[in-house]
Protein backbone atom coordinates (compact mmCIF):
# COMPACT_ATOMS: atom_id res chain seq x y z
CA MET A 1 -7.66 17.29 -24.55
CA PRO A 2 -6.84 13.92 -25.70
CA ALA A 3 -3.74 12.26 -25.02
CA ILE A 4 -1.60 10.50 -27.78
CA VAL A 5 0.17 7.52 -26.73
CA GLY A 6 2.42 5.06 -28.63
CA ALA A 7 3.01 1.23 -28.04
CA VAL A 8 2.50 0.15 -24.60
CA LYS A 9 3.73 -3.42 -23.31
CA VAL A 10 2.89 -4.63 -19.99
CA ILE A 11 4.32 -7.42 -18.22
CA THR A 12 2.77 -8.04 -14.92
CA ILE A 13 0.36 -6.04 -12.78
CA GLY A 14 -0.71 -6.55 -9.38
CA SER A 15 -4.43 -7.85 -8.30
CA SER A 16 -5.12 -4.35 -6.70
CA SER A 17 -2.91 -2.50 -8.91
CA ILE A 18 -3.82 0.27 -11.70
CA PHE A 19 -3.09 0.43 -15.55
CA HIS A 20 -4.08 4.23 -17.01
CA ILE A 21 -3.39 5.36 -19.93
CA GLY A 22 -4.56 8.86 -21.14
CA ASP A 23 -7.24 11.20 -19.79
CA VAL A 24 -8.72 10.20 -16.39
CA TYR A 25 -11.43 12.11 -14.46
CA LYS A 26 -10.64 9.75 -10.95
CA ILE A 27 -8.34 7.16 -9.81
CA GLN A 28 -9.45 4.81 -7.30
CA PRO A 29 -7.70 1.66 -6.18
CA TYR A 30 -9.69 -0.65 -3.79
CA THR A 31 -8.01 -2.78 -1.55
CA GLN A 32 -6.88 -2.25 2.35
CA ALA A 33 -4.09 -3.61 4.67
CA LYS A 34 -3.28 -3.46 8.71
CA THR A 35 -0.01 -3.98 9.14
CA PHE A 36 1.55 -5.30 12.63
CA ALA A 37 5.37 -5.14 13.70
CA GLY A 38 7.82 -4.75 16.49
CA GLY A 39 10.00 -1.77 17.16
CA GLY A 40 12.56 -1.15 14.73
CA SER A 41 11.20 -3.61 12.40
CA PHE A 42 10.75 -1.35 9.38
CA ASN A 43 14.77 0.41 9.79
CA THR A 44 16.81 0.61 6.50
CA GLY A 45 20.34 1.43 6.18
CA ASP A 46 24.02 0.30 6.77
CA GLY A 47 25.10 -0.47 10.12
CA ILE A 48 21.75 0.24 12.30
CA ARG A 49 21.67 -1.48 15.59
CA VAL A 50 18.58 -1.58 17.44
CA TYR A 51 18.48 -2.95 21.29
CA LEU A 52 15.34 -3.86 22.51
CA GLU A 53 14.84 -5.57 26.21
CA ASN A 54 11.30 -6.13 26.02
CA ALA A 55 9.21 -5.06 23.36
CA GLN A 56 6.04 -6.08 22.71
CA THR A 57 2.81 -4.88 19.95
CA ASN A 58 -0.18 -4.51 20.58
CA MET A 59 -2.57 -5.98 18.32
CA ILE A 60 -5.60 -5.35 19.95
CA ASP A 61 -8.53 -3.88 17.08
CA ASP A 62 -12.06 -3.63 18.53
CA ASP A 63 -13.37 -1.28 16.05
CA GLN A 64 -15.15 -3.40 13.10
CA PHE A 65 -14.09 -1.59 10.33
CA ASP A 66 -10.49 0.33 9.43
CA GLN A 67 -11.23 1.42 5.75
CA ASN A 68 -14.33 1.59 4.47
CA ILE A 69 -14.21 0.58 1.00
CA SER A 70 -16.99 1.27 -1.76
CA ALA A 71 -17.72 1.37 -5.18
CA ILE A 72 -18.51 4.75 -6.64
């Protein structure tokens, strides 16, 4: 069933974003990322206390590919 869309105003779109209006069969962004962070790095909230005496983040990654992206 066709989609009917009114006026649209786009301010900004990131480099790996998708802007979609109307019918769609498949949406597939093309991006990959790997994040390394130490203990307690992604805690959110009020009054969080993290005590780390001796923390280490292992960043050794022996495999060649983590997320293979191919065009379809």
